[in-house]
Amino acid sequence: MTTLRALVLSCSLKKSPAESSSELLGREVLAALSDHDVDGEVVRVADHDVRFGVSVDEGDGDEWPALRAKVLAADILIVATPIWMGQPASVCKMVLERLDAELSEKDEQGRPLVYGKVAMVGVVGNEDGAHHVSAEVFQALNDVGFSIPAAGATYWVGEAMGSLDYKDAGPKPDTTGLTTKTATANAAHLAHLLRDQQYPATDN
């Protein structure tokens, strides 16, 4: 079986080396994917000078093009984000805005360049909103051409208005861990299928 490539975009508001619960969850997703012939890397977006905008390159030192190259080289994209005020983190929203440019980037057969790529979502927070955040991120990713696997999200939320973070909560093998295993198995399965048989050419 062909080894696939995965990329985790960690959308923590914190730069490295600060600890990040969303990055921890992203790394757990990557570890689970390794059981399905998938390798990859985690990139913390806040460590890079990514400019606001909706083009593939905003110029003047914009570091999105380098991250975009990693996205295009991957078979599976995992967007890992914390919840803030019931919403995806601002870094996550910026990533989605930059991916909007992919709507106009096509291959020789008229398909968006991200067709055939699978997207997963990881969400953490100590407030309600994991389903809402997953829905927002999945819809945006699907709009630009990513494929969503069955049960393709994994998350952890602590007590509402609490202060306990996922990174401090200890292992959760029977809840978040089990969800992660299911999500990664389905994502890898779909990615292998799409690697072998891409979507048909478009007439648009």
C-alpha atoms as a PDB file:
ATOM      1  CA  MET A   1       0.000   0.000   0.000  1.00  0.00           C
ATOM      2  CA  THR A   2       1.283   3.469  -0.884  1.00  0.00           C
ATOM      3  CA  THR A   3       2.363   5.618   2.058  1.00  0.00           C
ATOM      4  CA  LEU A   4       0.323   8.801   2.216  1.00  0.00           C
ATOM      5  CA  ARG A   5       1.320  12.221   3.503  1.00  0.00           C
ATOM      6  CA  ALA A   6      -0.555  14.213   6.148  1.00  0.00           C
ATOM      7  CA  LEU A   7      -0.182  17.817   7.285  1.00  0.00           C
ATOM      8  CA  VAL A   8      -1.490  19.171  10.580  1.00  0.00           C
ATOM      9  CA  LEU A   9      -2.016  22.925  10.634  1.00  0.00           C
ATOM     10  CA  SER A  10      -2.086  23.795  14.325  1.00  0.00           C
ATOM     11  CA  CYS A  11      -4.083  26.987  14.727  1.00  0.00           C
ATOM     12  CA  SER A  12      -3.132  27.798  18.292  1.00  0.00           C
ATOM     13  CA  LEU A  13      -2.905  31.496  19.087  1.00  0.00           C
ATOM     14  CA  LYS A  14       0.402  30.766  20.858  1.00  0.00           C
ATOM     15  CA  LYS A  15       3.780  30.656  19.173  1.00  0.00           C
ATOM     16  CA  SER A  16       6.250  27.868  19.911  1.00  0.00           C
ATOM     17  CA  PRO A  17       7.561  26.749  22.334  1.00  0.00           C
ATOM     18  CA  ALA A  18       4.432  27.512  24.376  1.00  0.00           C
ATOM     19  CA  GLU A  19       2.385  24.390  25.078  1.00  0.00           C
ATOM     20  CA  SER A  20      -0.740  24.020  22.979  1.00  0.00           C
ATOM     21  CA  SER A  21      -3.706  21.715  23.478  1.00  0.00           C
ATOM     22  CA  SER A  22      -4.762  21.984  19.849  1.00  0.00           C
ATOM     23  CA  GLU A  23      -1.269  21.045  18.727  1.00  0.00           C
ATOM     24  CA  LEU A  24      -1.256  18.096  21.143  1.00  0.00           C
ATOM     25  CA  LEU A  25      -4.498  16.826  19.617  1.00  0.00           C
ATOM     26  CA  GLY A  26      -3.053  17.338  16.139  1.00  0.00           C
ATOM     27  CA  ARG A  27      -0.011  15.272  17.053  1.00  0.00           C
ATOM     28  CA  GLU A  28      -2.263  12.534  18.421  1.00  0.00           C
ATOM     29  CA  VAL A  29      -4.135  12.501  15.111  1.00  0.00           C
ATOM     30  CA  LEU A  30      -0.844  12.206  13.238  1.00  0.00           C
ATOM     31  CA  ALA A  31       0.271   9.349  15.494  1.00  0.00           C
ATOM     32  CA  ALA A  32      -3.014   7.515  14.893  1.00  0.00           C
ATOM     33  CA  LEU A  33      -2.670   8.008  11.131  1.00  0.00           C
ATOM     34  CA  SER A  34       0.700   6.268  11.236  1.00  0.00           C
ATOM     35  CA  ASP A  35      -1.186   3.014  11.836  1.00  0.00           C
ATOM     36  CA  HIS A  36      -2.696   3.418   8.359  1.00  0.00           C
ATOM     37  CA  ASP A  37       0.415   3.980   6.233  1.00  0.00           C
ATOM     38  CA  VAL A  38       0.324   7.758   6.645  1.00  0.00           C
ATOM     39  CA  ASP A  39       3.240   9.932   7.751  1.00  0.00           C
ATOM     40  CA  GLY A  40       3.478  13.681   8.022  1.00  0.00           C
ATOM     41  CA  GLU A  41       4.254  16.740  10.087  1.00  0.00           C
ATOM     42  CA  VAL A  42       2.730  19.364  12.351  1.00  0.00           C
ATOM     43  CA  VAL A  43       3.098  23.057  11.542  1.00  0.00           C
ATOM     44  CA  ARG A  44       2.085  25.739  14.032  1.00  0.00           C
ATOM     45  CA  VAL A  45       0.735  28.529  11.855  1.00  0.00           C
ATOM     46  CA  ALA A  46       1.413  31.235  14.448  1.00  0.00           C
ATOM     47  CA  ASP A  47       5.139  30.543  14.076  1.00  0.00           C
ATOM     48  CA  HIS A  48       4.966  31.854  10.505  1.00  0.00           C
ATOM     49  CA  ASP A  49       4.330  35.312   9.075  1.00  0.00           C
ATOM     50  CA  VAL A  50       1.085  34.486   7.305  1.00  0.00           C
ATOM     51  CA  ARG A  51      -0.607  37.605   5.966  1.00  0.00           C
ATOM     52  CA  PHE A  52      -4.304  38.311   5.878  1.00  0.00           C
ATOM     53  CA  GLY A  53      -5.822  37.934   2.425  1.00  0.00           C
ATOM     54  CA  VAL A  54      -7.504  35.590  -0.025  1.00  0.00           C
ATOM     55  CA  SER A  55      -4.777  35.076  -2.624  1.00  0.00           C
ATOM     56  CA  VAL A  56      -2.128  32.371  -2.906  1.00  0.00           C
ATOM     57  CA  ASP A  57       0.584  34.966  -2.181  1.00  0.00           C
ATOM     58  CA  GLU A  58       0.070  38.323  -0.485  1.00  0.00           C
ATOM     59  CA  GLY A  59       3.693  39.307  -1.157  1.00  0.00           C
ATOM     60  CA  ASP A  60       6.070  41.308   1.040  1.00  0.00           C
ATOM     61  CA  GLY A  61       7.423  38.329   2.950  1.00  0.00           C
ATOM     62  CA  ASP A  62       4.144  36.408   3.209  1.00  0.00           C
ATOM     63  CA  GLU A  63       4.945  32.891   4.411  1.00  0.00           C
ATOM     64  CA  TRP A  64       1.656  31.321   3.315  1.00  0.00           C
ATOM     65  CA  PRO A  65       3.070  30.130  -0.051  1.00  0.00           C
ATOM     66  CA  ALA A  66       5.476  27.805   1.769  1.00  0.00           C
ATOM     67  CA  LEU A  67       2.658  26.423   3.916  1.00  0.00           C
ATOM     68  CA  ARG A  68       0.431  26.145   0.843  1.00  0.00           C
ATOM     69  CA  ALA A  69       3.094  24.020  -0.834  1.00  0.00           C
ATOM     70  CA  LYS A  70       2.902  21.640   2.131  1.00  0.00           C
ATOM     71  CA  VAL A  71      -0.908  21.548   1.847  1.00  0.00           C
ATOM     72  CA  LEU A  72      -0.693  20.688  -1.844  1.00  0.00           C
ATOM     73  CA  ALA A  73       1.901  17.988  -1.169  1.00  0.00           C
ATOM     74  CA  ALA A  74      -0.296  16.298   1.442  1.00  0.00           C
ATOM     75  CA  ASP A  75      -3.027  13.726   0.908  1.00  0.00           C
ATOM     76  CA  ILE A  76      -4.699  14.531   4.234  1.00  0.00           C
ATOM     77  CA  LEU A  77      -5.013  17.978   5.828  1.00  0.00           C
ATOM     78  CA  ILE A  78      -5.820  18.209   9.529  1.00  0.00           C
ATOM     79  CA  VAL A  79      -6.903  21.597  10.859  1.00  0.00           C
ATOM     80  CA  ALA A  80      -6.512  21.655  14.641  1.00  0.00           C
ATOM     81  CA  THR A  81      -8.024  24.654  16.399  1.00  0.00           C
ATOM     82  CA  PRO A  82      -9.021  25.830  19.848  1.00  0.00           C
ATOM     83  CA  ILE A  83     -12.469  27.255  20.534  1.00  0.00           C
ATOM     84  CA  TRP A  84     -12.665  30.923  21.477  1.00  0.00           C
ATOM     85  CA  MET A  85     -16.054  32.484  22.232  1.00  0.00           C
ATOM     86  CA  GLY A  86     -17.701  29.523  20.533  1.00  0.00           C
ATOM     87  CA  GLN A  87     -15.763  30.135  17.314  1.00  0.00           C
ATOM     88  CA  PRO A  88     -12.724  28.696  15.549  1.00  0.00           C
ATOM     89  CA  ALA A  89      -9.565  30.585  16.525  1.00  0.00           C
ATOM     90  CA  SER A  90      -8.707  33.637  14.433  1.00  0.00           C
ATOM     91  CA  VAL A  91      -5.630  31.805  13.115  1.00  0.00           C
ATOM     92  CA  CYS A  92      -7.909  29.043  11.846  1.00  0.00           C
ATOM     93  CA  LYS A  93     -10.176  31.548  10.129  1.00  0.00           C
ATOM     94  CA  MET A  94      -7.156  33.156   8.474  1.00  0.00           C
ATOM     95  CA  VAL A  95      -6.096  29.742   7.152  1.00  0.00           C
ATOM     96  CA  LEU A  96      -9.552  29.190   5.702  1.00  0.00           C
ATOM     97  CA  GLU A  97      -9.469  32.629   4.083  1.00  0.00           C
ATOM     98  CA  ARG A  98      -6.122  31.840   2.465  1.00  0.00           C
ATOM     99  CA  LEU A  99      -7.467  28.503   1.222  1.00  0.00           C
ATOM    100  CA  ASP A 100     -10.283  30.404  -0.501  1.00  0.00           C
ATOM    101  CA  ALA A 101      -7.759  31.149  -3.254  1.00  0.00           C
ATOM    102  CA  GLU A 102      -7.847  27.469  -4.212  1.00  0.00           C
ATOM    103  CA  LEU A 103     -11.234  28.017  -5.834  1.00  0.00           C
ATOM    104  CA  SER A 104      -9.472  29.583  -8.812  1.00  0.00           C
ATOM    105  CA  GLU A 105      -6.433  27.274  -8.899  1.00  0.00           C
ATOM    106  CA  LYS A 106      -7.154  24.369 -11.258  1.00  0.00           C
ATOM    107  CA  ASP A 107      -5.298  21.389 -12.672  1.00  0.00           C
ATOM    108  CA  GLU A 108      -5.054  20.576 -16.380  1.00  0.00           C
ATOM    109  CA  GLN A 109      -8.439  18.875 -16.238  1.00  0.00           C
ATOM    110  CA  GLY A 110     -10.227  21.800 -14.649  1.00  0.00           C
ATOM    111  CA  ARG A 111     -10.359  20.441 -11.103  1.00  0.00           C
ATOM    112  CA  PRO A 112      -9.349  22.499  -8.047  1.00  0.00           C
ATOM    113  CA  LEU A 113      -5.867  21.471  -6.951  1.00  0.00           C
ATOM    114  CA  VAL A 114      -7.157  20.147  -3.627  1.00  0.00           C
ATOM    115  CA  TYR A 115      -9.611  17.738  -5.247  1.00  0.00           C
ATOM    116  CA  GLY A 116      -8.709  14.244  -4.120  1.00  0.00           C
ATOM    117  CA  LYS A 117      -7.380  15.478  -0.779  1.00  0.00           C
ATOM    118  CA  VAL A 118      -9.056  14.575   2.505  1.00  0.00           C
ATOM    119  CA  ALA A 119      -9.664  16.996   5.385  1.00  0.00           C
ATOM    120  CA  MET A 120     -10.011  16.313   9.098  1.00  0.00           C
ATOM    121  CA  VAL A 121     -10.714  18.665  11.997  1.00  0.00           C
ATOM    122  CA  GLY A 122      -9.498  18.597  15.596  1.00  0.00           C
ATOM    123  CA  VAL A 123     -11.063  20.913  18.191  1.00  0.00           C
ATOM    124  CA  VAL A 124     -10.246  21.627  21.825  1.00  0.00           C
ATOM    125  CA  GLY A 125     -11.613  24.051  24.387  1.00  0.00           C
ATOM    126  CA  ASN A 126     -13.077  24.505  27.836  1.00  0.00           C
ATOM    127  CA  GLU A 127     -16.400  25.717  26.532  1.00  0.00           C
ATOM    128  CA  ASP A 128     -19.182  24.364  24.351  1.00  0.00           C
ATOM    129  CA  GLY A 129     -18.865  24.661  20.587  1.00  0.00           C
ATOM    130  CA  ALA A 130     -16.922  21.706  19.186  1.00  0.00           C
ATOM    131  CA  HIS A 131     -19.729  20.704  16.826  1.00  0.00           C
ATOM    132  CA  HIS A 132     -20.254  24.279  15.683  1.00  0.00           C
ATOM    133  CA  VAL A 133     -16.536  24.815  15.071  1.00  0.00           C
ATOM    134  CA  SER A 134     -16.236  21.515  13.188  1.00  0.00           C
ATOM    135  CA  ALA A 135     -19.215  22.453  11.024  1.00  0.00           C
ATOM    136  CA  GLU A 136     -17.725  25.842  10.121  1.00  0.00           C
ATOM    137  CA  VAL A 137     -14.310  24.450   9.267  1.00  0.00           C
ATOM    138  CA  PHE A 138     -15.625  21.424   7.381  1.00  0.00           C
ATOM    139  CA  GLN A 139     -17.945  23.546   5.246  1.00  0.00           C
ATOM    140  CA  ALA A 140     -15.144  25.905   4.274  1.00  0.00           C
ATOM    141  CA  LEU A 141     -12.762  23.066   3.447  1.00  0.00           C
ATOM    142  CA  ASN A 142     -15.388  21.238   1.420  1.00  0.00           C
ATOM    143  CA  ASP A 143     -16.242  24.441  -0.466  1.00  0.00           C
ATOM    144  CA  VAL A 144     -12.718  24.657  -1.864  1.00  0.00           C
ATOM    145  CA  GLY A 145     -12.608  20.969  -2.789  1.00  0.00           C
ATOM    146  CA  PHE A 146     -11.466  18.851   0.147  1.00  0.00           C
ATOM    147  CA  SER A 147     -13.297  15.581   0.808  1.00  0.00           C
ATOM    148  CA  ILE A 148     -14.722  14.939   4.271  1.00  0.00           C
ATOM    149  CA  PRO A 149     -14.565  11.379   5.633  1.00  0.00           C
ATOM    150  CA  ALA A 150     -17.267   9.813   7.778  1.00  0.00           C
ATOM    151  CA  ALA A 151     -16.863  10.903  11.415  1.00  0.00           C
ATOM    152  CA  GLY A 152     -13.879  12.982  10.366  1.00  0.00           C
ATOM    153  CA  ALA A 153     -13.625  15.208  13.437  1.00  0.00           C
ATOM    154  CA  THR A 154     -12.166  14.602  16.874  1.00  0.00           C
ATOM    155  CA  TYR A 155     -12.474  16.897  19.856  1.00  0.00           C
ATOM    156  CA  TRP A 156     -12.271  17.475  23.563  1.00  0.00           C
ATOM    157  CA  VAL A 157     -14.126  20.086  25.586  1.00  0.00           C
ATOM    158  CA  GLY A 158     -13.753  20.662  29.291  1.00  0.00           C
ATOM    159  CA  GLU A 159     -16.217  22.090  31.759  1.00  0.00           C
ATOM    160  CA  ALA A 160     -17.864  25.277  30.524  1.00  0.00           C
ATOM    161  CA  MET A 161     -16.081  28.365  31.847  1.00  0.00           C
ATOM    162  CA  GLY A 162     -13.462  26.083  33.371  1.00  0.00           C
ATOM    163  CA  SER A 163      -9.706  26.435  33.257  1.00  0.00           C
ATOM    164  CA  LEU A 164      -8.582  22.864  32.563  1.00  0.00           C
ATOM    165  CA  ASP A 165      -6.898  22.430  29.174  1.00  0.00           C
ATOM    166  CA  TYR A 166      -6.722  19.238  27.158  1.00  0.00           C
ATOM    167  CA  LYS A 167      -2.942  19.135  27.560  1.00  0.00           C
ATOM    168  CA  ASP A 168      -3.444  19.040  31.344  1.00  0.00           C
ATOM    169  CA  ALA A 169      -6.457  16.725  31.463  1.00  0.00           C
ATOM    170  CA  GLY A 170      -4.555  13.480  31.030  1.00  0.00           C
ATOM    171  CA  PRO A 171      -5.090  10.677  28.481  1.00  0.00           C
ATOM    172  CA  LYS A 172      -8.628  10.154  27.206  1.00  0.00           C
ATOM    173  CA  PRO A 173      -8.380   6.772  25.439  1.00  0.00           C
ATOM    174  CA  ASP A 174     -12.054   5.866  25.750  1.00  0.00           C
ATOM    175  CA  THR A 175     -13.468   9.199  24.538  1.00  0.00           C
ATOM    176  CA  THR A 176     -11.329  11.543  22.450  1.00  0.00           C
ATOM    177  CA  GLY A 177      -8.800   8.768  21.820  1.00  0.00           C
ATOM    178  CA  LEU A 178     -11.425   6.406  20.421  1.00  0.00           C
ATOM    179  CA  THR A 179     -12.912   9.181  18.296  1.00  0.00           C
ATOM    180  CA  THR A 180      -9.454   9.978  16.945  1.00  0.00           C
ATOM    181  CA  LYS A 181      -8.874   6.331  16.003  1.00  0.00           C
ATOM    182  CA  THR A 182     -12.177   6.180  14.113  1.00  0.00           C
ATOM    183  CA  ALA A 183     -11.627   9.507  12.357  1.00  0.00           C
ATOM    184  CA  THR A 184      -8.104   8.631  11.254  1.00  0.00           C
ATOM    185  CA  ALA A 185      -9.069   5.171  10.025  1.00  0.00           C
ATOM    186  CA  ASN A 186     -11.843   6.656   7.896  1.00  0.00           C
ATOM    187  CA  ALA A 187      -9.683   9.508   6.630  1.00  0.00           C
ATOM    188  CA  ALA A 188      -6.860   7.201   5.620  1.00  0.00           C
ATOM    189  CA  HIS A 189      -9.277   4.815   3.921  1.00  0.00           C
ATOM    190  CA  LEU A 190     -10.805   7.625   1.866  1.00  0.00           C
ATOM    191  CA  ALA A 191      -7.408   9.128   1.036  1.00  0.00           C
ATOM    192  CA  HIS A 192      -6.104   5.789  -0.237  1.00  0.00           C
ATOM    193  CA  LEU A 193      -9.195   5.410  -2.433  1.00  0.00           C
ATOM    194  CA  LEU A 194      -8.836   8.909  -3.862  1.00  0.00           C
ATOM    195  CA  ARG A 195      -5.121   8.395  -4.477  1.00  0.00           C
ATOM    196  CA  ASP A 196      -6.004   5.397  -6.645  1.00  0.00           C
ATOM    197  CA  GLN A 197      -9.003   6.976  -8.375  1.00  0.00           C
ATOM    198  CA  GLN A 198      -9.249  10.765  -8.619  1.00  0.00           C
ATOM    199  CA  TYR A 199     -12.497  12.648  -9.167  1.00  0.00           C
ATOM    200  CA  PRO A 200     -13.534  13.062 -12.818  1.00  0.00           C
ATOM    201  CA  ALA A 201     -12.523  16.098 -14.836  1.00  0.00           C
ATOM    202  CA  THR A 202     -14.885  19.048 -14.681  1.00  0.00           C
ATOM    203  CA  ASP A 203     -16.524  20.808 -17.614  1.00  0.00           C
ATOM    204  CA  ASN A 204     -16.420  24.184 -15.846  1.00  0.00           C
END
